[in-house]
C-alpha atoms as a PDB file:
ATOM      1  CA  UNK A   1      58.726 133.627-119.460  1.00  0.00           C
ATOM      2  CA  UNK A   2      62.242 132.583-120.445  1.00  0.00           C
ATOM      3  CA  UNK A   3      65.248 134.513-121.757  1.00  0.00           C
ATOM      4  CA  UNK A   4      66.966 132.776-124.663  1.00  0.00           C
ATOM      5  CA  UNK A   5      70.752 132.972-124.505  1.00  0.00           C
ATOM      6  CA  UNK A   6      72.906 131.556-127.282  1.00  0.00           C
ATOM      7  CA  UNK A   7      76.682 131.835-127.483  1.00  0.00           C
ATOM      8  CA  UNK A   8      79.788 130.109-126.211  1.00  0.00           C
ATOM      9  CA  UNK A   9      79.911 127.518-123.431  1.00  0.00           C
ATOM     10  CA  UNK A  10      83.556 127.196-122.530  1.00  0.00           C
ATOM     11  CA  UNK A  11      86.281 126.507-120.028  1.00  0.00           C
ATOM     12  CA  UNK A  12      88.383 129.529-119.059  1.00  0.00           C
ATOM     13  CA  UNK A  13      92.095 129.352-118.332  1.00  0.00           C
ATOM     14  CA  UNK A  14      92.932 132.579-116.480  1.00  0.00           C
ATOM     15  CA  UNK A  15      96.506 133.873-116.297  1.00  0.00           C
ATOM     16  CA  UNK A  16      97.633 136.966-114.419  1.00  0.00           C
ATOM     17  CA  UNK A  17     100.663 139.041-115.468  1.00  0.00           C
ATOM     18  CA  UNK A  18     101.898 141.359-112.718  1.00  0.00           C
ATOM     19  CA  UNK A  19     103.338 143.908-115.140  1.00  0.00           C
ATOM     20  CA  UNK A  20     101.878 146.004-117.967  1.00  0.00           C
ATOM     21  CA  UNK A  21     101.114 144.677-121.462  1.00  0.00           C
ATOM     22  CA  UNK A  22     101.281 148.264-122.688  1.00  0.00           C
ATOM     23  CA  UNK A  23     104.844 148.790-121.471  1.00  0.00           C
ATOM     24  CA  UNK A  24     105.981 145.515-123.007  1.00  0.00           C
ATOM     25  CA  UNK A  25     104.357 146.135-126.381  1.00  0.00           C
ATOM     26  CA  UNK A  26     105.508 149.756-126.651  1.00  0.00           C
ATOM     27  CA  UNK A  27     109.083 148.501-126.729  1.00  0.00           C
ATOM     28  CA  UNK A  28     108.360 145.853-129.339  1.00  0.00           C
ATOM     29  CA  UNK A  29     108.485 146.118-133.118  1.00  0.00           C
ATOM     30  CA  UNK A  30     105.072 144.777-134.122  1.00  0.00           C
ATOM     31  CA  UNK A  31     106.465 143.614-137.451  1.00  0.00           C
ATOM     32  CA  UNK A  32     108.594 141.047-135.623  1.00  0.00           C
ATOM     33  CA  UNK A  33     106.370 140.591-132.589  1.00  0.00           C
ATOM     34  CA  UNK A  34     107.543 137.899-130.199  1.00  0.00           C
ATOM     35  CA  UNK A  35     106.631 138.451-126.553  1.00  0.00           C
ATOM     36  CA  UNK A  36     106.296 136.249-123.516  1.00  0.00           C
ATOM     37  CA  UNK A  37     104.628 137.135-120.235  1.00  0.00           C
ATOM     38  CA  UNK A  38     105.474 135.318-117.026  1.00  0.00           C
ATOM     39  CA  UNK A  39     102.287 134.400-115.199  1.00  0.00           C
ATOM     40  CA  UNK A  40     102.635 133.206-111.603  1.00  0.00           C
ATOM     41  CA  UNK A  41      98.837 133.048-111.273  1.00  0.00           C
ATOM     42  CA  UNK A  42      96.879 130.241-112.962  1.00  0.00           C
ATOM     43  CA  UNK A  43      93.264 129.140-112.625  1.00  0.00           C
ATOM     44  CA  UNK A  44      90.841 127.065-114.696  1.00  0.00           C
ATOM     45  CA  UNK A  45      87.132 127.796-114.418  1.00  0.00           C
ATOM     46  CA  UNK A  46      83.784 127.292-116.097  1.00  0.00           C
ATOM     47  CA  UNK A  47      83.031 130.116-118.521  1.00  0.00           C
ATOM     48  CA  UNK A  48      81.800 131.042-121.980  1.00  0.00           C
ATOM     49  CA  UNK A  49      79.725 134.144-122.550  1.00  0.00           C
ATOM     50  CA  UNK A  50      76.367 132.402-122.948  1.00  0.00           C
ATOM     51  CA  UNK A  51      76.868 130.163-119.928  1.00  0.00           C
ATOM     52  CA  UNK A  52      78.052 133.136-117.850  1.00  0.00           C
ATOM     53  CA  UNK A  53      75.021 135.216-118.819  1.00  0.00           C
ATOM     54  CA  UNK A  54      72.627 132.340-118.139  1.00  0.00           C
ATOM     55  CA  UNK A  55      74.225 131.741-114.728  1.00  0.00           C
ATOM     56  CA  UNK A  56      73.895 135.404-113.791  1.00  0.00           C
ATOM     57  CA  UNK A  57      70.280 135.462-114.952  1.00  0.00           C
ATOM     58  CA  UNK A  58      69.585 132.665-112.474  1.00  0.00           C
ATOM     59  CA  UNK A  59      71.256 134.709-109.714  1.00  0.00           C
ATOM     60  CA  UNK A  60      68.674 137.388-110.532  1.00  0.00           C
ATOM     61  CA  UNK A  61      65.849 134.820-110.341  1.00  0.00           C
ATOM     62  CA  UNK A  62      65.281 134.781-114.101  1.00  0.00           C
ATOM     63  CA  UNK A  63      64.650 131.687-116.258  1.00  0.00           C
ATOM     64  CA  UNK A  64      67.308 131.381-118.971  1.00  0.00           C
ATOM     65  CA  UNK A  65      67.180 128.945-121.867  1.00  0.00           C
ATOM     66  CA  UNK A  66      70.715 128.133-123.009  1.00  0.00           C
ATOM     67  CA  UNK A  67      71.514 127.181-126.609  1.00  0.00           C
ATOM     68  CA  UNK A  68      75.043 126.148-127.561  1.00  0.00           C
ATOM     69  CA  UNK A  69      77.391 123.211-128.074  1.00  0.00           C
ATOM     70  CA  UNK A  70      79.804 121.320-125.821  1.00  0.00           C
ATOM     71  CA  UNK A  71      82.237 118.479-126.423  1.00  0.00           C
ATOM     72  CA  UNK A  72      83.134 115.234-124.709  1.00  0.00           C
ATOM     73  CA  UNK A  73      84.295 117.091-121.577  1.00  0.00           C
ATOM     74  CA  UNK A  74      81.137 119.177-121.221  1.00  0.00           C
ATOM     75  CA  UNK A  75      78.906 116.785-119.265  1.00  0.00           C
ATOM     76  CA  UNK A  76      79.928 117.955-115.807  1.00  0.00           C
ATOM     77  CA  UNK A  77      79.489 121.605-116.835  1.00  0.00           C
ATOM     78  CA  UNK A  78      75.964 120.973-118.093  1.00  0.00           C
ATOM     79  CA  UNK A  79      75.164 119.106-114.874  1.00  0.00           C
ATOM     80  CA  UNK A  80      76.344 122.126-112.866  1.00  0.00           C
ATOM     81  CA  UNK A  81      74.239 124.524-114.947  1.00  0.00           C
ATOM     82  CA  UNK A  82      71.182 122.299-114.673  1.00  0.00           C
ATOM     83  CA  UNK A  83      71.661 122.031-110.930  1.00  0.00           C
ATOM     84  CA  UNK A  84      71.519 125.841-110.734  1.00  0.00           C
ATOM     85  CA  UNK A  85      68.286 125.989-112.710  1.00  0.00           C
ATOM     86  CA  UNK A  86      69.580 126.785-116.198  1.00  0.00           C
ATOM     87  CA  UNK A  87      67.611 124.959-118.915  1.00  0.00           C
ATOM     88  CA  UNK A  88      70.182 122.990-120.951  1.00  0.00           C
ATOM     89  CA  UNK A  89      67.799 120.815-122.993  1.00  0.00           C
ATOM     90  CA  UNK A  90      68.743 122.760-126.128  1.00  0.00           C
ATOM     91  CA  UNK A  91      72.501 122.371-125.623  1.00  0.00           C
ATOM     92  CA  UNK A  92      74.084 120.003-128.149  1.00  0.00           C
ATOM     93  CA  UNK A  93      76.874 117.548-127.212  1.00  0.00           C
ATOM     94  CA  UNK A  94      79.399 116.471-129.871  1.00  0.00           C
ATOM     95  CA  UNK A  95      81.556 113.723-128.305  1.00  0.00           C
ATOM     96  CA  UNK A  96      84.184 113.751-131.068  1.00  0.00           C
ATOM     97  CA  UNK A  97      85.380 117.230-130.027  1.00  0.00           C
ATOM     98  CA  UNK A  98      86.390 119.076-126.872  1.00  0.00           C
ATOM     99  CA  UNK A  99      84.431 121.957-125.361  1.00  0.00           C
ATOM    100  CA  UNK A 100      85.439 125.491-126.322  1.00  0.00           C
ATOM    101  CA  UNK A 101      88.379 126.875-124.352  1.00  0.00           C
ATOM    102  CA  UNK A 102      89.400 130.480-123.677  1.00  0.00           C
ATOM    103  CA  UNK A 103      92.897 131.391-122.476  1.00  0.00           C
ATOM    104  CA  UNK A 104      92.789 134.884-121.001  1.00  0.00           C
ATOM    105  CA  UNK A 105      95.794 136.855-119.788  1.00  0.00           C
ATOM    106  CA  UNK A 106      95.225 139.939-117.623  1.00  0.00           C
ATOM    107  CA  UNK A 107      97.828 142.571-116.646  1.00  0.00           C
ATOM    108  CA  UNK A 108      98.053 144.916-113.675  1.00  0.00           C
ATOM    109  CA  UNK A 109      95.749 147.496-115.311  1.00  0.00           C
ATOM    110  CA  UNK A 110      93.002 144.956-116.230  1.00  0.00           C
ATOM    111  CA  UNK A 111      94.056 144.900-119.894  1.00  0.00           C
ATOM    112  CA  UNK A 112      93.467 141.504-121.455  1.00  0.00           C
ATOM    113  CA  UNK A 113      94.895 139.352-124.235  1.00  0.00           C
ATOM    114  CA  UNK A 114      92.823 136.281-125.072  1.00  0.00           C
ATOM    115  CA  UNK A 115      92.945 133.224-127.305  1.00  0.00           C
ATOM    116  CA  UNK A 116      89.807 131.214-128.010  1.00  0.00           C
ATOM    117  CA  UNK A 117      89.565 127.658-129.331  1.00  0.00           C
ATOM    118  CA  UNK A 118      85.980 126.963-130.513  1.00  0.00           C
ATOM    119  CA  UNK A 119      86.185 123.187-130.166  1.00  0.00           C
ATOM    120  CA  UNK A 120      82.802 121.503-130.617  1.00  0.00           C
ATOM    121  CA  UNK A 121      81.033 124.803-131.173  1.00  0.00           C
ATOM    122  CA  UNK A 122      82.662 125.173-134.587  1.00  0.00           C
ATOM    123  CA  UNK A 123      80.496 122.229-135.684  1.00  0.00           C
ATOM    124  CA  UNK A 124      77.319 123.079-133.788  1.00  0.00           C
ATOM    125  CA  UNK A 125      73.800 123.143-135.199  1.00  0.00           C
ATOM    126  CA  UNK A 126      70.587 124.984-134.322  1.00  0.00           C
ATOM    127  CA  UNK A 127      68.007 122.943-132.385  1.00  0.00           C
ATOM    128  CA  UNK A 128      64.347 122.553-133.240  1.00  0.00           C
ATOM    129  CA  UNK A 129      62.638 125.188-131.101  1.00  0.00           C
ATOM    130  CA  UNK A 130      59.161 125.303-132.629  1.00  0.00           C
ATOM    131  CA  UNK A 131      57.558 124.491-129.262  1.00  0.00           C
ATOM    132  CA  UNK A 132      59.595 127.091-127.354  1.00  0.00           C
ATOM    133  CA  UNK A 133      58.543 130.308-129.056  1.00  0.00           C
ATOM    134  CA  UNK A 134      55.648 131.215-126.777  1.00  0.00           C
ATOM    135  CA  UNK A 135      57.833 130.793-123.688  1.00  0.00           C
ATOM    136  CA  UNK A 136      60.529 133.282-124.742  1.00  0.00           C
ATOM    137  CA  UNK A 137      60.280 136.938-123.726  1.00  0.00           C
ATOM    138  CA  UNK A 138      63.734 138.141-124.817  1.00  0.00           C
ATOM    139  CA  UNK A 139      66.821 136.716-126.470  1.00  0.00           C
ATOM    140  CA  UNK A 140      70.539 137.405-126.680  1.00  0.00           C
ATOM    141  CA  UNK A 141      72.718 136.261-129.564  1.00  0.00           C
ATOM    142  CA  UNK A 142      76.309 136.153-128.368  1.00  0.00           C
ATOM    143  CA  UNK A 143      79.611 135.211-129.967  1.00  0.00           C
ATOM    144  CA  UNK A 144      80.014 131.617-131.109  1.00  0.00           C
ATOM    145  CA  UNK A 145      80.188 129.802-134.463  1.00  0.00           C
ATOM    146  CA  UNK A 146      79.423 132.689-136.904  1.00  0.00           C
ATOM    147  CA  UNK A 147      77.020 130.552-138.923  1.00  0.00           C
ATOM    148  CA  UNK A 148      75.034 129.693-135.800  1.00  0.00           C
ATOM    149  CA  UNK A 149      75.050 133.338-134.709  1.00  0.00           C
ATOM    150  CA  UNK A 150      73.382 134.429-137.921  1.00  0.00           C
ATOM    151  CA  UNK A 151      71.006 131.465-137.828  1.00  0.00           C
ATOM    152  CA  UNK A 152      69.972 132.499-134.303  1.00  0.00           C
ATOM    153  CA  UNK A 153      69.551 136.102-135.456  1.00  0.00           C
ATOM    154  CA  UNK A 154      67.292 135.069-138.320  1.00  0.00           C
ATOM    155  CA  UNK A 155      65.303 132.748-136.052  1.00  0.00           C
ATOM    156  CA  UNK A 156      64.676 135.435-133.438  1.00  0.00           C
ATOM    157  CA  UNK A 157      63.701 137.928-136.124  1.00  0.00           C
ATOM    158  CA  UNK A 158      61.371 135.473-137.869  1.00  0.00           C
ATOM    159  CA  UNK A 159      59.695 134.634-134.554  1.00  0.00           C
ATOM    160  CA  UNK A 160      59.375 138.335-133.682  1.00  0.00           C
ATOM    161  CA  UNK A 161      61.329 137.838-130.460  1.00  0.00           C
ATOM    162  CA  UNK A 162      63.030 141.020-129.201  1.00  0.00           C
ATOM    163  CA  UNK A 163      66.729 140.225-128.976  1.00  0.00           C
ATOM    164  CA  UNK A 164      70.106 141.735-128.193  1.00  0.00           C
ATOM    165  CA  UNK A 165      73.011 141.365-130.623  1.00  0.00           C
ATOM    166  CA  UNK A 166      76.318 140.797-128.782  1.00  0.00           C
ATOM    167  CA  UNK A 167      78.865 140.022-131.521  1.00  0.00           C
ATOM    168  CA  UNK A 168      81.990 140.524-129.337  1.00  0.00           C
ATOM    169  CA  UNK A 169      85.118 138.866-130.758  1.00  0.00           C
ATOM    170  CA  UNK A 170      83.192 137.617-133.796  1.00  0.00           C
ATOM    171  CA  UNK A 171      83.017 141.164-135.164  1.00  0.00           C
ATOM    172  CA  UNK A 172      86.203 140.198-136.975  1.00  0.00           C
ATOM    173  CA  UNK A 173      84.721 136.928-138.264  1.00  0.00           C
ATOM    174  CA  UNK A 174      81.389 138.326-139.454  1.00  0.00           C
ATOM    175  CA  UNK A 175      81.107 140.215-142.739  1.00  0.00           C
ATOM    176  CA  UNK A 176      79.969 143.822-142.941  1.00  0.00           C
ATOM    177  CA  UNK A 177      76.649 142.687-144.419  1.00  0.00           C
ATOM    178  CA  UNK A 178      76.130 140.190-141.577  1.00  0.00           C
ATOM    179  CA  UNK A 179      76.893 142.820-138.962  1.00  0.00           C
ATOM    180  CA  UNK A 180      74.515 145.317-140.580  1.00  0.00           C
ATOM    181  CA  UNK A 181      71.844 142.610-140.747  1.00  0.00           C
ATOM    182  CA  UNK A 182      72.296 141.875-137.046  1.00  0.00           C
ATOM    183  CA  UNK A 183      72.064 145.562-136.232  1.00  0.00           C
ATOM    184  CA  UNK A 184      68.961 146.114-138.370  1.00  0.00           C
ATOM    185  CA  UNK A 185      66.970 143.132-137.078  1.00  0.00           C
ATOM    186  CA  UNK A 186      67.882 143.191-133.375  1.00  0.00           C
ATOM    187  CA  UNK A 187      66.336 145.302-130.630  1.00  0.00           C
ATOM    188  CA  UNK A 188      69.710 146.511-129.397  1.00  0.00           C
ATOM    189  CA  UNK A 189      73.461 145.916-129.511  1.00  0.00           C
ATOM    190  CA  UNK A 190      75.861 145.542-126.572  1.00  0.00           C
ATOM    191  CA  UNK A 191      79.638 145.784-127.064  1.00  0.00           C
ATOM    192  CA  UNK A 192      82.627 146.952-125.058  1.00  0.00           C
ATOM    193  CA  UNK A 193      84.555 150.070-126.064  1.00  0.00           C
ATOM    194  CA  UNK A 194      87.170 148.168-128.068  1.00  0.00           C
ATOM    195  CA  UNK A 195      84.499 146.098-129.828  1.00  0.00           C
ATOM    196  CA  UNK A 196      82.571 149.267-130.662  1.00  0.00           C
ATOM    197  CA  UNK A 197      85.674 150.698-132.328  1.00  0.00           C
ATOM    198  CA  UNK A 198      85.895 147.530-134.450  1.00  0.00           C
ATOM    199  CA  UNK A 199      82.172 147.474-135.207  1.00  0.00           C
ATOM    200  CA  UNK A 200      82.092 151.170-136.065  1.00  0.00           C
ATOM    201  CA  UNK A 201      85.157 150.829-138.274  1.00  0.00           C
ATOM    202  CA  UNK A 202      83.872 147.768-140.109  1.00  0.00           C
ATOM    203  CA  UNK A 203      80.346 149.107-140.707  1.00  0.00           C
ATOM    204  CA  UNK A 204      81.269 152.770-141.094  1.00  0.00           C
ATOM    205  CA  UNK A 205      78.607 153.745-138.549  1.00  0.00           C
ATOM    206  CA  UNK A 206      78.948 156.476-135.943  1.00  0.00           C
ATOM    207  CA  UNK A 207      76.737 156.291-132.856  1.00  0.00           C
ATOM    208  CA  UNK A 208      74.255 158.719-134.437  1.00  0.00           C
ATOM    209  CA  UNK A 209      74.165 156.758-137.682  1.00  0.00           C
ATOM    210  CA  UNK A 210      73.765 153.522-135.744  1.00  0.00           C
ATOM    211  CA  UNK A 211      70.582 154.858-134.101  1.00  0.00           C
ATOM    212  CA  UNK A 212      69.024 155.302-137.525  1.00  0.00           C
ATOM    213  CA  UNK A 213      69.197 151.502-137.905  1.00  0.00           C
ATOM    214  CA  UNK A 214      68.653 150.345-134.340  1.00  0.00           C
ATOM    215  CA  UNK A 215      67.101 152.064-131.295  1.00  0.00           C
ATOM    216  CA  UNK A 216      69.691 150.959-128.715  1.00  0.00           C
ATOM    217  CA  UNK A 217      73.481 150.798-128.427  1.00  0.00           C
ATOM    218  CA  UNK A 218      75.214 149.960-125.141  1.00  0.00           C
ATOM    219  CA  UNK A 219      78.989 150.476-124.933  1.00  0.00           C
ATOM    220  CA  UNK A 220      80.702 149.209-121.790  1.00  0.00           C
ATOM    221  CA  UNK A 221      84.057 150.513-120.654  1.00  0.00           C
ATOM    222  CA  UNK A 222      85.126 148.378-117.694  1.00  0.00           C
ATOM    223  CA  UNK A 223      85.885 150.323-114.529  1.00  0.00           C
ATOM    224  CA  UNK A 224      84.872 153.548-116.309  1.00  0.00           C
ATOM    225  CA  UNK A 225      81.246 152.502-116.599  1.00  0.00           C
ATOM    226  CA  UNK A 226      79.008 152.371-119.641  1.00  0.00           C
ATOM    227  CA  UNK A 227      77.272 154.597-122.152  1.00  0.00           C
ATOM    228  CA  UNK A 228      73.769 153.914-123.420  1.00  0.00           C
ATOM    229  CA  UNK A 229      72.820 155.488-126.749  1.00  0.00           C
ATOM    230  CA  UNK A 230      69.063 155.389-127.161  1.00  0.00           C
ATOM    231  CA  UNK A 231      66.645 156.689-129.745  1.00  0.00           C
ATOM    232  CA  UNK A 232      64.024 156.990-126.984  1.00  0.00           C
ATOM    233  CA  UNK A 233      65.957 158.070-123.865  1.00  0.00           C
ATOM    234  CA  UNK A 234      68.954 159.890-125.373  1.00  0.00           C
ATOM    235  CA  UNK A 235      72.540 159.332-124.239  1.00  0.00           C
ATOM    236  CA  UNK A 236      72.977 157.980-120.716  1.00  0.00           C
ATOM    237  CA  UNK A 237      76.409 157.812-119.075  1.00  0.00           C
ATOM    238  CA  UNK A 238      76.670 155.621-115.980  1.00  0.00           C
ATOM    239  CA  UNK A 239      79.672 155.147-113.679  1.00  0.00           C
ATOM    240  CA  UNK A 240      80.313 151.854-111.920  1.00  0.00           C
ATOM    241  CA  UNK A 241      80.442 150.919-108.269  1.00  0.00           C
ATOM    242  CA  UNK A 242      84.063 150.928-107.069  1.00  0.00           C
ATOM    243  CA  UNK A 243      84.704 147.601-105.337  1.00  0.00           C
ATOM    244  CA  UNK A 244      87.193 147.457-102.481  1.00  0.00           C
ATOM    245  CA  UNK A 245      89.294 144.953-104.415  1.00  0.00           C
ATOM    246  CA  UNK A 246      89.633 143.828-108.013  1.00  0.00           C
ATOM    247  CA  UNK A 247      90.797 140.237-108.449  1.00  0.00           C
ATOM    248  CA  UNK A 248      89.967 139.566-112.123  1.00  0.00           C
ATOM    249  CA  UNK A 249      87.565 141.402-114.485  1.00  0.00           C
ATOM    250  CA  UNK A 250      86.832 138.365-116.672  1.00  0.00           C
ATOM    251  CA  UNK A 251      83.088 137.790-116.883  1.00  0.00           C
ATOM    252  CA  UNK A 252      82.028 141.210-115.597  1.00  0.00           C
ATOM    253  CA  UNK A 253      80.631 142.181-118.989  1.00  0.00           C
ATOM    254  CA  UNK A 254      78.516 139.026-119.073  1.00  0.00           C
ATOM    255  CA  UNK A 255      77.076 139.873-115.655  1.00  0.00           C
ATOM    256  CA  UNK A 256      76.230 143.347-116.929  1.00  0.00           C
ATOM    257  CA  UNK A 257      74.381 141.835-119.866  1.00  0.00           C
ATOM    258  CA  UNK A 258      72.381 139.568-117.542  1.00  0.00           C
ATOM    259  CA  UNK A 259      71.353 142.546-115.433  1.00  0.00           C
ATOM    260  CA  UNK A 260      70.457 144.575-118.509  1.00  0.00           C
ATOM    261  CA  UNK A 261      68.334 141.743-119.935  1.00  0.00           C
ATOM    262  CA  UNK A 262      66.580 141.317-116.593  1.00  0.00           C
ATOM    263  CA  UNK A 263      65.620 144.986-116.606  1.00  0.00           C
ATOM    264  CA  UNK A 264      64.458 144.856-120.219  1.00  0.00           C
ATOM    265  CA  UNK A 265      62.255 141.833-119.566  1.00  0.00           C
ATOM    266  CA  UNK A 266      60.679 143.693-116.621  1.00  0.00           C
ATOM    267  CA  UNK A 267      59.981 146.808-118.683  1.00  0.00           C
ATOM    268  CA  UNK A 268      62.414 149.036-116.744  1.00  0.00           C
ATOM    269  CA  UNK A 269      63.931 152.211-118.175  1.00  0.00           C
ATOM    270  CA  UNK A 270      67.253 151.774-119.957  1.00  0.00           C
ATOM    271  CA  UNK A 271      68.948 153.743-117.187  1.00  0.00           C
ATOM    272  CA  UNK A 272      67.648 151.293-114.601  1.00  0.00           C
ATOM    273  CA  UNK A 273      68.707 148.340-116.776  1.00  0.00           C
ATOM    274  CA  UNK A 274      72.250 149.730-116.940  1.00  0.00           C
ATOM    275  CA  UNK A 275      72.357 150.385-113.202  1.00  0.00           C
ATOM    276  CA  UNK A 276      71.368 146.823-112.357  1.00  0.00           C
ATOM    277  CA  UNK A 277      73.854 145.392-114.849  1.00  0.00           C
ATOM    278  CA  UNK A 278      76.748 147.521-113.615  1.00  0.00           C
ATOM    279  CA  UNK A 279      75.970 146.714-109.992  1.00  0.00           C
ATOM    280  CA  UNK A 280      75.929 142.969-110.636  1.00  0.00           C
ATOM    281  CA  UNK A 281      79.169 143.202-112.639  1.00  0.00           C
ATOM    282  CA  UNK A 282      80.962 144.789-109.682  1.00  0.00           C
ATOM    283  CA  UNK A 283      80.638 141.533-107.729  1.00  0.00           C
ATOM    284  CA  UNK A 284      82.289 139.442-110.471  1.00  0.00           C
ATOM    285  CA  UNK A 285      85.550 141.425-110.475  1.00  0.00           C
ATOM    286  CA  UNK A 286      86.002 140.707-106.761  1.00  0.00           C
ATOM    287  CA  UNK A 287      86.675 137.014-107.353  1.00  0.00           C
ATOM    288  CA  UNK A 288      88.682 134.604-109.482  1.00  0.00           C
ATOM    289  CA  UNK A 289      86.384 133.020-112.072  1.00  0.00           C
ATOM    290  CA  UNK A 290      83.228 134.174-113.788  1.00  0.00           C
ATOM    291  CA  UNK A 291      80.540 132.272-111.861  1.00  0.00           C
ATOM    292  CA  UNK A 292      79.441 133.716-108.528  1.00  0.00           C
ATOM    293  CA  UNK A 293      78.517 130.871-106.182  1.00  0.00           C
ATOM    294  CA  UNK A 294      76.129 132.851-103.960  1.00  0.00           C
ATOM    295  CA  UNK A 295      74.712 136.360-104.113  1.00  0.00           C
ATOM    296  CA  UNK A 296      72.332 138.295-101.892  1.00  0.00           C
ATOM    297  CA  UNK A 297      70.099 140.305-104.226  1.00  0.00           C
ATOM    298  CA  UNK A 298      69.665 142.963-101.554  1.00  0.00           C
ATOM    299  CA  UNK A 299      73.414 143.599-101.829  1.00  0.00           C
ATOM    300  CA  UNK A 300      73.097 144.093-105.594  1.00  0.00           C
ATOM    301  CA  UNK A 301      70.265 146.589-105.166  1.00  0.00           C
ATOM    302  CA  UNK A 302      72.163 148.256-102.320  1.00  0.00           C
ATOM    303  CA  UNK A 303      75.257 148.842-104.432  1.00  0.00           C
ATOM    304  CA  UNK A 304      73.110 150.351-107.174  1.00  0.00           C
ATOM    305  CA  UNK A 305      71.510 152.707-104.668  1.00  0.00           C
ATOM    306  CA  UNK A 306      74.891 153.753-103.232  1.00  0.00           C
ATOM    307  CA  UNK A 307      76.333 154.362-106.702  1.00  0.00           C
ATOM    308  CA  UNK A 308      73.410 156.122-108.365  1.00  0.00           C
ATOM    309  CA  UNK A 309      71.531 157.633-105.438  1.00  0.00           C
ATOM    310  CA  UNK A 310      68.228 156.031-106.322  1.00  0.00           C
ATOM    311  CA  UNK A 311      66.459 152.808-105.500  1.00  0.00           C
ATOM    312  CA  UNK A 312      65.805 150.339-108.310  1.00  0.00           C
ATOM    313  CA  UNK A 313      62.396 148.660-108.639  1.00  0.00           C
ATOM    314  CA  UNK A 314      61.948 145.272-107.000  1.00  0.00           C
ATOM    315  CA  UNK A 315      63.451 142.506-109.102  1.00  0.00           C
ATOM    316  CA  UNK A 316      60.850 140.587-111.134  1.00  0.00           C
END
């Protein structure tokens, strides 16, 4: 069975600032904001939330089906994904545009400031997937063209596919009604702590109120771990494995989502899903770029055991 993943497929430009964004902004009048950060570290990598999640699902021996849009520079990226076993037959190519691009600046405390150019994805369309329904066990609707996000949400709901809503930076672009619709019709929502503050503020929902509409809310908080709010299992707070080095946190949240989806598709407890996701995410922060080239699954399970004191089930 496959895991449907729809969202951005992008190139990431990663910049590293050796100081603190917080210190710089505290001294700045936001009404006349004009700041510049010197970045001696530059790297360009493959990225995009959907592509990252699909890649990590393959590392966990899952079968992702990727849905998204690339531009005239996306051919080599799709070839790389296909080579790694990611199904890209449902990825659209629009040659008159470039592929989405994210420019992400990170400071010395892992705070990030990002700009995102949607490129071809702003003009993407939803593929005909009538023949795919019976092959899909779970889905994830991630941030991309807002119209396509809501189309994907309606499609998953109409096909009775359990799916995770991951609105991310599009919380700002989606209306309150669209966000509530995504919450009501999905099987769970995953956001980071900042995104949860935006989502809560825009919808007016507290965590308790959220659970009256949806049985699962996962809030990630970087190095501080994650909190799972569940109608069935209560509130679960999980720390993260502390890696020996942190190079760049970009993409760690996508790895966590891949681990969580893998656990869900295997019927694991939510606690176990979170443990696998957090363990996988700890490997991403140890490198530059979001795509791990090689990973020993025994190491992933070992980190989870060291961190949580219990052995996870065998990976499906």
